[in-house]
């Protein structure tokens, strides 16, 4: 295991989405404790500011910033990416951590199903918009937080029904979005190999946080029972994310899926390179106006 000294992040700039609670907050605490200048993205100003203050105190690090961004609004995602590029010359690590599972089917102003937009399309836009800052770091890393929930998306990405007009359910939308996370990471790793940016996806495990809390019927009751008995604490769930973001042990490693600091196989459909490229093209068309503007 690498030591704190070996994993020092002094002088590094790390951007994290979904950083106001759960594993995002735990990741921010750990990375800031290693000395990184930590940029936390959050939707809610009060919760975000409370999280920033907590990270600063726990990490004894004043170089912690909060930027507000609502992933339901792609213009907001574009604007926050541009603010990051204006304020920091480079980004050494981007953690695509934010995620959502919803009780109802919601279509955004851009015409996307909200789970897919929050979990995939917004991160696709943010990551590509930050490409110049990541390139400027010289040896940057992107960590995409996915989930083994993607294993339930047995039929792959429903390209003919990405808004789930037919057969929407909270978990179906979530599982497809998590598959999209992994496929995006694999495709991005291929595209960015020559520029020295490492891209990996990871599964945090079943984590005891407020994520997905609410009335979910029988499935939700089963999940809650499992969570109480078997779930990890947020810090344990964040461990692999922090490892991929900071450890020299994975320097140069790219295009892999990790759990408990070890690479593992994702679902068979996730390795379909034609589908990966198609997802990229669909995503690029959807956010094209925000990439060019």
C-alpha atoms as a PDB file:
ATOM      1  CA  UNK A   1       0.000   0.000   0.000  1.00  0.00           C
ATOM      2  CA  UNK A   2       1.337   3.459  -0.871  1.00  0.00           C
ATOM      3  CA  UNK A   3       2.001   5.899   1.938  1.00  0.00           C
ATOM      4  CA  UNK A   4       0.478   9.346   2.451  1.00  0.00           C
ATOM      5  CA  UNK A   5       3.852  10.825   1.501  1.00  0.00           C
ATOM      6  CA  UNK A   6       3.957   8.918  -1.793  1.00  0.00           C
ATOM      7  CA  UNK A   7       0.397   9.977  -2.579  1.00  0.00           C
ATOM      8  CA  UNK A   8       0.947  13.663  -1.804  1.00  0.00           C
ATOM      9  CA  UNK A   9      -1.234  15.882  -3.997  1.00  0.00           C
ATOM     10  CA  UNK A  10       0.457  19.177  -3.134  1.00  0.00           C
ATOM     11  CA  UNK A  11       0.248  21.514  -6.124  1.00  0.00           C
ATOM     12  CA  UNK A  12      -2.453  19.459  -7.873  1.00  0.00           C
ATOM     13  CA  UNK A  13      -5.889  20.755  -8.859  1.00  0.00           C
ATOM     14  CA  UNK A  14      -8.754  18.274  -8.432  1.00  0.00           C
ATOM     15  CA  UNK A  15     -12.343  18.886  -9.581  1.00  0.00           C
ATOM     16  CA  UNK A  16     -15.154  16.737  -8.129  1.00  0.00           C
ATOM     17  CA  UNK A  17     -18.828  16.693  -9.086  1.00  0.00           C
ATOM     18  CA  UNK A  18     -21.511  15.719  -6.583  1.00  0.00           C
ATOM     19  CA  UNK A  19     -19.162  16.769  -3.812  1.00  0.00           C
ATOM     20  CA  UNK A  20     -21.623  17.940  -1.160  1.00  0.00           C
ATOM     21  CA  UNK A  21     -22.553  14.535   0.280  1.00  0.00           C
ATOM     22  CA  UNK A  22     -21.982  10.791   0.175  1.00  0.00           C
ATOM     23  CA  UNK A  23     -18.862   9.418  -1.475  1.00  0.00           C
ATOM     24  CA  UNK A  24     -18.281  12.714  -3.264  1.00  0.00           C
ATOM     25  CA  UNK A  25     -17.876  14.515   0.060  1.00  0.00           C
ATOM     26  CA  UNK A  26     -15.742  11.682   1.459  1.00  0.00           C
ATOM     27  CA  UNK A  27     -13.529  11.821  -1.641  1.00  0.00           C
ATOM     28  CA  UNK A  28     -13.163  15.592  -1.322  1.00  0.00           C
ATOM     29  CA  UNK A  29     -12.089  15.234   2.317  1.00  0.00           C
ATOM     30  CA  UNK A  30      -9.465  12.626   1.482  1.00  0.00           C
ATOM     31  CA  UNK A  31      -8.049  14.446  -1.531  1.00  0.00           C
ATOM     32  CA  UNK A  32      -7.927  17.796   0.266  1.00  0.00           C
ATOM     33  CA  UNK A  33      -6.147  16.040   3.158  1.00  0.00           C
ATOM     34  CA  UNK A  34      -3.422  15.092   0.687  1.00  0.00           C
ATOM     35  CA  UNK A  35      -2.839  18.761  -0.050  1.00  0.00           C
ATOM     36  CA  UNK A  36      -4.692  19.143  -3.349  1.00  0.00           C
ATOM     37  CA  UNK A  37      -6.415  22.346  -4.349  1.00  0.00           C
ATOM     38  CA  UNK A  38      -9.924  20.923  -4.313  1.00  0.00           C
ATOM     39  CA  UNK A  39     -12.772  22.276  -6.433  1.00  0.00           C
ATOM     40  CA  UNK A  40     -16.150  20.981  -5.256  1.00  0.00           C
ATOM     41  CA  UNK A  41     -19.180  21.122  -7.578  1.00  0.00           C
ATOM     42  CA  UNK A  42     -22.613  21.006  -5.961  1.00  0.00           C
ATOM     43  CA  UNK A  43     -26.193  21.975  -6.816  1.00  0.00           C
ATOM     44  CA  UNK A  44     -27.457  23.314  -3.498  1.00  0.00           C
ATOM     45  CA  UNK A  45     -25.656  26.430  -2.167  1.00  0.00           C
ATOM     46  CA  UNK A  46     -26.310  25.855   1.533  1.00  0.00           C
ATOM     47  CA  UNK A  47     -25.406  22.194   1.511  1.00  0.00           C
ATOM     48  CA  UNK A  48     -22.453  22.911  -0.739  1.00  0.00           C
ATOM     49  CA  UNK A  49     -21.055  25.618   1.515  1.00  0.00           C
ATOM     50  CA  UNK A  50     -21.493  23.420   4.585  1.00  0.00           C
ATOM     51  CA  UNK A  51     -19.610  20.636   2.790  1.00  0.00           C
ATOM     52  CA  UNK A  52     -16.808  22.997   1.754  1.00  0.00           C
ATOM     53  CA  UNK A  53     -16.404  24.206   5.341  1.00  0.00           C
ATOM     54  CA  UNK A  54     -16.340  20.618   6.590  1.00  0.00           C
ATOM     55  CA  UNK A  55     -13.654  19.642   4.063  1.00  0.00           C
ATOM     56  CA  UNK A  56     -11.493  22.657   4.882  1.00  0.00           C
ATOM     57  CA  UNK A  57     -11.639  21.878   8.599  1.00  0.00           C
ATOM     58  CA  UNK A  58     -11.172  18.111   8.321  1.00  0.00           C
ATOM     59  CA  UNK A  59      -8.314  18.424   5.822  1.00  0.00           C
ATOM     60  CA  UNK A  60      -6.689  21.494   7.398  1.00  0.00           C
ATOM     61  CA  UNK A  61      -6.563  22.895   3.865  1.00  0.00           C
ATOM     62  CA  UNK A  62      -7.823  26.351   2.898  1.00  0.00           C
ATOM     63  CA  UNK A  63      -7.497  25.669  -0.835  1.00  0.00           C
ATOM     64  CA  UNK A  64     -11.042  24.338  -1.181  1.00  0.00           C
ATOM     65  CA  UNK A  65     -13.497  26.051  -3.553  1.00  0.00           C
ATOM     66  CA  UNK A  66     -17.211  25.579  -4.163  1.00  0.00           C
ATOM     67  CA  UNK A  67     -18.803  26.078  -7.583  1.00  0.00           C
ATOM     68  CA  UNK A  68     -22.558  25.719  -8.032  1.00  0.00           C
ATOM     69  CA  UNK A  69     -23.851  23.671 -10.927  1.00  0.00           C
ATOM     70  CA  UNK A  70     -27.186  22.012 -11.694  1.00  0.00           C
ATOM     71  CA  UNK A  71     -26.694  19.044 -14.002  1.00  0.00           C
ATOM     72  CA  UNK A  72     -30.334  19.323 -15.086  1.00  0.00           C
ATOM     73  CA  UNK A  73     -29.230  22.438 -17.018  1.00  0.00           C
ATOM     74  CA  UNK A  74     -26.558  21.840 -19.672  1.00  0.00           C
ATOM     75  CA  UNK A  75     -25.956  25.578 -20.067  1.00  0.00           C
ATOM     76  CA  UNK A  76     -25.013  25.622 -16.385  1.00  0.00           C
ATOM     77  CA  UNK A  77     -22.590  22.730 -16.965  1.00  0.00           C
ATOM     78  CA  UNK A  78     -20.986  24.616 -19.867  1.00  0.00           C
ATOM     79  CA  UNK A  79     -20.670  27.770 -17.774  1.00  0.00           C
ATOM     80  CA  UNK A  80     -19.089  26.048 -14.775  1.00  0.00           C
ATOM     81  CA  UNK A  81     -16.554  24.320 -17.047  1.00  0.00           C
ATOM     82  CA  UNK A  82     -15.639  27.695 -18.509  1.00  0.00           C
ATOM     83  CA  UNK A  83     -15.318  29.186 -15.007  1.00  0.00           C
ATOM     84  CA  UNK A  84     -12.953  26.382 -14.016  1.00  0.00           C
ATOM     85  CA  UNK A  85     -10.811  26.994 -17.102  1.00  0.00           C
ATOM     86  CA  UNK A  86     -10.750  30.725 -16.392  1.00  0.00           C
ATOM     87  CA  UNK A  87      -9.707  30.330 -12.743  1.00  0.00           C
ATOM     88  CA  UNK A  88      -7.283  27.404 -13.015  1.00  0.00           C
ATOM     89  CA  UNK A  89      -4.696  26.936 -15.738  1.00  0.00           C
ATOM     90  CA  UNK A  90      -4.902  23.181 -15.485  1.00  0.00           C
ATOM     91  CA  UNK A  91      -6.931  20.357 -13.945  1.00  0.00           C
ATOM     92  CA  UNK A  92      -4.876  17.371 -12.777  1.00  0.00           C
ATOM     93  CA  UNK A  93      -7.820  15.167 -11.804  1.00  0.00           C
ATOM     94  CA  UNK A  94     -11.510  15.237 -12.700  1.00  0.00           C
ATOM     95  CA  UNK A  95     -13.806  12.997 -10.659  1.00  0.00           C
ATOM     96  CA  UNK A  96     -17.146  12.505 -12.446  1.00  0.00           C
ATOM     97  CA  UNK A  97     -18.952  11.514  -9.283  1.00  0.00           C
ATOM     98  CA  UNK A  98     -22.449  13.083  -9.288  1.00  0.00           C
ATOM     99  CA  UNK A  99     -25.352  10.685  -9.676  1.00  0.00           C
ATOM    100  CA  UNK A 100     -29.113  10.504  -9.327  1.00  0.00           C
ATOM    101  CA  UNK A 101     -31.924   7.970  -9.200  1.00  0.00           C
ATOM    102  CA  UNK A 102     -35.396   9.484  -9.461  1.00  0.00           C
ATOM    103  CA  UNK A 103     -38.918   8.593  -8.368  1.00  0.00           C
ATOM    104  CA  UNK A 104     -40.523   9.835 -11.594  1.00  0.00           C
ATOM    105  CA  UNK A 105     -39.706  10.192 -15.256  1.00  0.00           C
ATOM    106  CA  UNK A 106     -38.699  13.804 -15.945  1.00  0.00           C
ATOM    107  CA  UNK A 107     -37.735  15.226 -19.339  1.00  0.00           C
ATOM    108  CA  UNK A 108     -35.330  18.157 -19.249  1.00  0.00           C
ATOM    109  CA  UNK A 109     -35.415  21.309 -21.363  1.00  0.00           C
ATOM    110  CA  UNK A 110     -32.839  19.638 -23.633  1.00  0.00           C
ATOM    111  CA  UNK A 111     -35.220  16.712 -24.208  1.00  0.00           C
ATOM    112  CA  UNK A 112     -33.290  14.186 -22.105  1.00  0.00           C
ATOM    113  CA  UNK A 113     -34.549  11.872 -19.420  1.00  0.00           C
ATOM    114  CA  UNK A 114     -33.184  13.467 -16.251  1.00  0.00           C
ATOM    115  CA  UNK A 115     -31.389  10.396 -14.857  1.00  0.00           C
ATOM    116  CA  UNK A 116     -29.463   9.990 -18.123  1.00  0.00           C
ATOM    117  CA  UNK A 117     -28.699  13.701 -18.310  1.00  0.00           C
ATOM    118  CA  UNK A 118     -27.458  13.943 -14.718  1.00  0.00           C
ATOM    119  CA  UNK A 119     -25.451  10.747 -14.706  1.00  0.00           C
ATOM    120  CA  UNK A 120     -24.093  10.684 -18.262  1.00  0.00           C
ATOM    121  CA  UNK A 121     -24.759  13.555 -20.672  1.00  0.00           C
ATOM    122  CA  UNK A 122     -23.796  16.333 -18.215  1.00  0.00           C
ATOM    123  CA  UNK A 123     -20.553  14.553 -17.330  1.00  0.00           C
ATOM    124  CA  UNK A 124     -19.842  13.976 -21.025  1.00  0.00           C
ATOM    125  CA  UNK A 125     -20.181  17.726 -21.634  1.00  0.00           C
ATOM    126  CA  UNK A 126     -18.193  18.753 -18.552  1.00  0.00           C
ATOM    127  CA  UNK A 127     -15.340  16.369 -19.316  1.00  0.00           C
ATOM    128  CA  UNK A 128     -14.976  17.403 -22.952  1.00  0.00           C
ATOM    129  CA  UNK A 129     -15.307  21.088 -22.070  1.00  0.00           C
ATOM    130  CA  UNK A 130     -12.437  20.651 -19.589  1.00  0.00           C
ATOM    131  CA  UNK A 131     -10.203  18.851 -22.097  1.00  0.00           C
ATOM    132  CA  UNK A 132      -7.825  21.849 -22.575  1.00  0.00           C
ATOM    133  CA  UNK A 133      -7.304  22.136 -18.805  1.00  0.00           C
ATOM    134  CA  UNK A 134      -6.730  18.393 -18.488  1.00  0.00           C
ATOM    135  CA  UNK A 135      -4.248  18.437 -21.372  1.00  0.00           C
ATOM    136  CA  UNK A 136      -2.416  21.330 -19.700  1.00  0.00           C
ATOM    137  CA  UNK A 137      -1.743  19.153 -16.646  1.00  0.00           C
ATOM    138  CA  UNK A 138       0.530  16.908 -18.703  1.00  0.00           C
ATOM    139  CA  UNK A 139      -0.535  13.656 -17.042  1.00  0.00           C
ATOM    140  CA  UNK A 140      -4.134  14.110 -15.938  1.00  0.00           C
ATOM    141  CA  UNK A 141      -6.648  11.566 -14.712  1.00  0.00           C
ATOM    142  CA  UNK A 142     -10.413  11.226 -15.117  1.00  0.00           C
ATOM    143  CA  UNK A 143     -12.278   8.982 -12.676  1.00  0.00           C
ATOM    144  CA  UNK A 144     -15.832   8.041 -13.679  1.00  0.00           C
ATOM    145  CA  UNK A 145     -17.984   6.755 -10.826  1.00  0.00           C
ATOM    146  CA  UNK A 146     -20.260   4.025 -12.139  1.00  0.00           C
ATOM    147  CA  UNK A 147     -21.884   1.080 -10.349  1.00  0.00           C
ATOM    148  CA  UNK A 148     -22.423  -2.640 -10.676  1.00  0.00           C
ATOM    149  CA  UNK A 149     -26.054  -1.631 -11.173  1.00  0.00           C
ATOM    150  CA  UNK A 150     -24.979  -1.452 -14.828  1.00  0.00           C
ATOM    151  CA  UNK A 151     -25.090  -5.263 -14.878  1.00  0.00           C
ATOM    152  CA  UNK A 152     -28.901  -5.037 -14.942  1.00  0.00           C
ATOM    153  CA  UNK A 153     -28.817  -3.270 -18.327  1.00  0.00           C
ATOM    154  CA  UNK A 154     -28.658  -6.613 -20.100  1.00  0.00           C
ATOM    155  CA  UNK A 155     -29.784  -5.280 -23.468  1.00  0.00           C
ATOM    156  CA  UNK A 156     -27.246  -2.475 -23.531  1.00  0.00           C
ATOM    157  CA  UNK A 157     -28.051   1.149 -24.328  1.00  0.00           C
ATOM    158  CA  UNK A 158     -31.598   1.581 -25.764  1.00  0.00           C
ATOM    159  CA  UNK A 159     -30.550   3.915 -28.570  1.00  0.00           C
ATOM    160  CA  UNK A 160     -34.066   3.905 -30.049  1.00  0.00           C
ATOM    161  CA  UNK A 161     -35.594   5.008 -26.729  1.00  0.00           C
ATOM    162  CA  UNK A 162     -33.059   6.996 -24.693  1.00  0.00           C
ATOM    163  CA  UNK A 163     -35.870   8.883 -22.916  1.00  0.00           C
ATOM    164  CA  UNK A 164     -37.465   5.585 -21.801  1.00  0.00           C
ATOM    165  CA  UNK A 165     -40.915   6.313 -23.212  1.00  0.00           C
ATOM    166  CA  UNK A 166     -41.395   2.558 -23.199  1.00  0.00           C
ATOM    167  CA  UNK A 167     -40.896   0.852 -19.860  1.00  0.00           C
ATOM    168  CA  UNK A 168     -39.363   3.556 -17.669  1.00  0.00           C
ATOM    169  CA  UNK A 169     -38.579   2.665 -14.072  1.00  0.00           C
ATOM    170  CA  UNK A 170     -36.188   4.333 -11.618  1.00  0.00           C
ATOM    171  CA  UNK A 171     -33.767   1.419 -11.581  1.00  0.00           C
ATOM    172  CA  UNK A 172     -33.882   0.787 -15.336  1.00  0.00           C
ATOM    173  CA  UNK A 173     -32.958   4.392 -16.094  1.00  0.00           C
ATOM    174  CA  UNK A 174     -30.267   4.290 -13.420  1.00  0.00           C
ATOM    175  CA  UNK A 175     -28.738   1.009 -14.586  1.00  0.00           C
ATOM    176  CA  UNK A 176     -28.587   2.194 -18.208  1.00  0.00           C
ATOM    177  CA  UNK A 177     -26.974   5.464 -17.113  1.00  0.00           C
ATOM    178  CA  UNK A 178     -24.345   3.545 -15.143  1.00  0.00           C
ATOM    179  CA  UNK A 179     -23.623   1.394 -18.210  1.00  0.00           C
ATOM    180  CA  UNK A 180     -23.254   4.628 -20.184  1.00  0.00           C
ATOM    181  CA  UNK A 181     -20.693   5.826 -17.608  1.00  0.00           C
ATOM    182  CA  UNK A 182     -18.507   2.775 -18.188  1.00  0.00           C
ATOM    183  CA  UNK A 183     -18.826   2.839 -21.969  1.00  0.00           C
ATOM    184  CA  UNK A 184     -17.983   6.544 -21.984  1.00  0.00           C
ATOM    185  CA  UNK A 185     -14.888   5.869 -19.876  1.00  0.00           C
ATOM    186  CA  UNK A 186     -13.714   3.102 -22.221  1.00  0.00           C
ATOM    187  CA  UNK A 187     -14.259   5.191 -25.346  1.00  0.00           C
ATOM    188  CA  UNK A 188     -12.690   8.295 -23.813  1.00  0.00           C
ATOM    189  CA  UNK A 189      -9.657   6.295 -22.684  1.00  0.00           C
ATOM    190  CA  UNK A 190      -9.136   5.140 -26.285  1.00  0.00           C
ATOM    191  CA  UNK A 191      -9.517   8.644 -27.686  1.00  0.00           C
ATOM    192  CA  UNK A 192      -7.206  10.270 -25.137  1.00  0.00           C
ATOM    193  CA  UNK A 193      -4.445   7.663 -24.925  1.00  0.00           C
ATOM    194  CA  UNK A 194      -2.087   9.684 -27.131  1.00  0.00           C
ATOM    195  CA  UNK A 195      -2.489  12.862 -25.045  1.00  0.00           C
ATOM    196  CA  UNK A 196      -1.569  11.183 -21.774  1.00  0.00           C
ATOM    197  CA  UNK A 197      -4.902  11.483 -19.969  1.00  0.00           C
ATOM    198  CA  UNK A 198      -5.804   8.316 -18.061  1.00  0.00           C
ATOM    199  CA  UNK A 199      -9.522   7.488 -17.793  1.00  0.00           C
ATOM    200  CA  UNK A 200     -10.920   4.780 -15.532  1.00  0.00           C
ATOM    201  CA  UNK A 201     -14.356   3.853 -14.182  1.00  0.00           C
ATOM    202  CA  UNK A 202     -15.095   2.389 -10.772  1.00  0.00           C
ATOM    203  CA  UNK A 203     -17.752   0.740  -8.615  1.00  0.00           C
ATOM    204  CA  UNK A 204     -17.910   2.123  -5.058  1.00  0.00           C
ATOM    205  CA  UNK A 205     -19.894  -0.793  -3.665  1.00  0.00           C
ATOM    206  CA  UNK A 206     -23.139  -0.608  -1.730  1.00  0.00           C
ATOM    207  CA  UNK A 207     -22.618   2.537   0.318  1.00  0.00           C
ATOM    208  CA  UNK A 208     -24.602   3.720   3.335  1.00  0.00           C
ATOM    209  CA  UNK A 209     -25.492   7.273   2.229  1.00  0.00           C
ATOM    210  CA  UNK A 210     -28.672   9.246   1.567  1.00  0.00           C
ATOM    211  CA  UNK A 211     -28.434   8.436  -2.150  1.00  0.00           C
ATOM    212  CA  UNK A 212     -31.765   7.227  -3.503  1.00  0.00           C
ATOM    213  CA  UNK A 213     -33.483   7.630  -0.150  1.00  0.00           C
ATOM    214  CA  UNK A 214     -37.261   7.625  -0.219  1.00  0.00           C
ATOM    215  CA  UNK A 215     -40.247   5.405  -0.828  1.00  0.00           C
ATOM    216  CA  UNK A 216     -39.344   2.873  -3.469  1.00  0.00           C
ATOM    217  CA  UNK A 217     -41.826   0.080  -2.842  1.00  0.00           C
ATOM    218  CA  UNK A 218     -40.732  -3.523  -2.296  1.00  0.00           C
ATOM    219  CA  UNK A 219     -37.427  -3.097  -4.152  1.00  0.00           C
ATOM    220  CA  UNK A 220     -36.583  -0.047  -2.086  1.00  0.00           C
ATOM    221  CA  UNK A 221     -37.423  -1.861   1.132  1.00  0.00           C
ATOM    222  CA  UNK A 222     -35.109  -4.730   0.203  1.00  0.00           C
ATOM    223  CA  UNK A 223     -32.358  -2.254  -0.719  1.00  0.00           C
ATOM    224  CA  UNK A 224     -32.766  -0.408   2.572  1.00  0.00           C
ATOM    225  CA  UNK A 225     -32.567  -3.665   4.526  1.00  0.00           C
ATOM    226  CA  UNK A 226     -29.393  -4.689   2.677  1.00  0.00           C
ATOM    227  CA  UNK A 227     -27.930  -1.238   3.218  1.00  0.00           C
ATOM    228  CA  UNK A 228     -28.445  -1.372   6.945  1.00  0.00           C
ATOM    229  CA  UNK A 229     -26.790  -4.766   7.212  1.00  0.00           C
ATOM    230  CA  UNK A 230     -24.101  -4.832   4.537  1.00  0.00           C
ATOM    231  CA  UNK A 231     -23.429  -1.326   3.219  1.00  0.00           C
ATOM    232  CA  UNK A 232     -20.066   0.384   3.418  1.00  0.00           C
ATOM    233  CA  UNK A 233     -19.475   3.719   5.056  1.00  0.00           C
ATOM    234  CA  UNK A 234     -18.988   6.629   2.650  1.00  0.00           C
ATOM    235  CA  UNK A 235     -15.229   6.674   3.293  1.00  0.00           C
ATOM    236  CA  UNK A 236     -14.955   3.004   2.316  1.00  0.00           C
ATOM    237  CA  UNK A 237     -16.970   3.591  -0.844  1.00  0.00           C
ATOM    238  CA  UNK A 238     -14.753   6.547  -1.720  1.00  0.00           C
ATOM    239  CA  UNK A 239     -11.514   4.616  -1.225  1.00  0.00           C
ATOM    240  CA  UNK A 240     -11.206   3.326  -4.801  1.00  0.00           C
ATOM    241  CA  UNK A 241     -12.098   6.747  -6.220  1.00  0.00           C
ATOM    242  CA  UNK A 242      -9.354   8.372  -4.130  1.00  0.00           C
ATOM    243  CA  UNK A 243      -6.939   5.585  -5.116  1.00  0.00           C
ATOM    244  CA  UNK A 244      -7.569   6.125  -8.831  1.00  0.00           C
ATOM    245  CA  UNK A 245      -7.290   9.893  -8.427  1.00  0.00           C
ATOM    246  CA  UNK A 246      -4.069   9.970  -6.433  1.00  0.00           C
ATOM    247  CA  UNK A 247      -2.055   6.764  -6.307  1.00  0.00           C
ATOM    248  CA  UNK A 248       1.193   6.286  -8.252  1.00  0.00           C
ATOM    249  CA  UNK A 249       0.257   2.590  -8.398  1.00  0.00           C
ATOM    250  CA  UNK A 250      -2.112   3.352 -11.306  1.00  0.00           C
ATOM    251  CA  UNK A 251       0.048   5.882 -13.125  1.00  0.00           C
ATOM    252  CA  UNK A 252      -0.543   5.329 -16.848  1.00  0.00           C
ATOM    253  CA  UNK A 253      -3.335   2.778 -16.297  1.00  0.00           C
ATOM    254  CA  UNK A 254      -6.349   3.626 -18.442  1.00  0.00           C
ATOM    255  CA  UNK A 255      -9.561   2.142 -19.813  1.00  0.00           C
ATOM    256  CA  UNK A 256     -10.271  -0.142 -16.840  1.00  0.00           C
ATOM    257  CA  UNK A 257     -13.117  -0.748 -14.379  1.00  0.00           C
ATOM    258  CA  UNK A 258     -12.120  -0.955 -10.701  1.00  0.00           C
ATOM    259  CA  UNK A 259     -13.586  -2.187  -7.436  1.00  0.00           C
ATOM    260  CA  UNK A 260     -11.731  -2.235  -4.108  1.00  0.00           C
ATOM    261  CA  UNK A 261      -8.650  -0.861  -5.871  1.00  0.00           C
ATOM    262  CA  UNK A 262      -8.510  -3.818  -8.251  1.00  0.00           C
ATOM    263  CA  UNK A 263      -9.500  -3.979 -11.920  1.00  0.00           C
ATOM    264  CA  UNK A 264     -12.513  -6.175 -12.640  1.00  0.00           C
ATOM    265  CA  UNK A 265     -14.628  -7.115 -15.624  1.00  0.00           C
ATOM    266  CA  UNK A 266     -17.666  -5.030 -16.382  1.00  0.00           C
ATOM    267  CA  UNK A 267     -20.687  -6.477 -18.182  1.00  0.00           C
ATOM    268  CA  UNK A 268     -20.212  -8.141 -21.596  1.00  0.00           C
ATOM    269  CA  UNK A 269     -22.285  -5.465 -23.373  1.00  0.00           C
ATOM    270  CA  UNK A 270     -20.046  -2.707 -21.976  1.00  0.00           C
ATOM    271  CA  UNK A 271     -17.166  -3.905 -24.188  1.00  0.00           C
ATOM    272  CA  UNK A 272     -19.096  -3.460 -27.452  1.00  0.00           C
ATOM    273  CA  UNK A 273     -16.874  -0.905 -29.202  1.00  0.00           C
ATOM    274  CA  UNK A 274     -19.486  -0.153 -31.852  1.00  0.00           C
ATOM    275  CA  UNK A 275     -21.987   0.705 -29.126  1.00  0.00           C
ATOM    276  CA  UNK A 276     -19.361   2.791 -27.311  1.00  0.00           C
ATOM    277  CA  UNK A 277     -18.739   4.814 -30.451  1.00  0.00           C
ATOM    278  CA  UNK A 278     -22.457   5.161 -31.107  1.00  0.00           C
ATOM    279  CA  UNK A 279     -23.031   6.406 -27.557  1.00  0.00           C
ATOM    280  CA  UNK A 280     -20.251   8.937 -28.074  1.00  0.00           C
ATOM    281  CA  UNK A 281     -21.795  10.173 -31.325  1.00  0.00           C
ATOM    282  CA  UNK A 282     -25.286  10.418 -29.822  1.00  0.00           C
ATOM    283  CA  UNK A 283     -23.921  12.266 -26.775  1.00  0.00           C
ATOM    284  CA  UNK A 284     -21.853  14.605 -28.919  1.00  0.00           C
ATOM    285  CA  UNK A 285     -24.849  15.524 -31.074  1.00  0.00           C
ATOM    286  CA  UNK A 286     -26.998  16.146 -28.015  1.00  0.00           C
ATOM    287  CA  UNK A 287     -24.527  18.534 -26.346  1.00  0.00           C
ATOM    288  CA  UNK A 288     -23.070  19.973 -29.555  1.00  0.00           C
ATOM    289  CA  UNK A 289     -24.477  23.464 -29.008  1.00  0.00           C
ATOM    290  CA  UNK A 290     -22.856  23.627 -25.575  1.00  0.00           C
ATOM    291  CA  UNK A 291     -19.530  22.295 -26.794  1.00  0.00           C
ATOM    292  CA  UNK A 292     -19.219  24.920 -29.533  1.00  0.00           C
ATOM    293  CA  UNK A 293     -20.606  27.957 -27.717  1.00  0.00           C
END
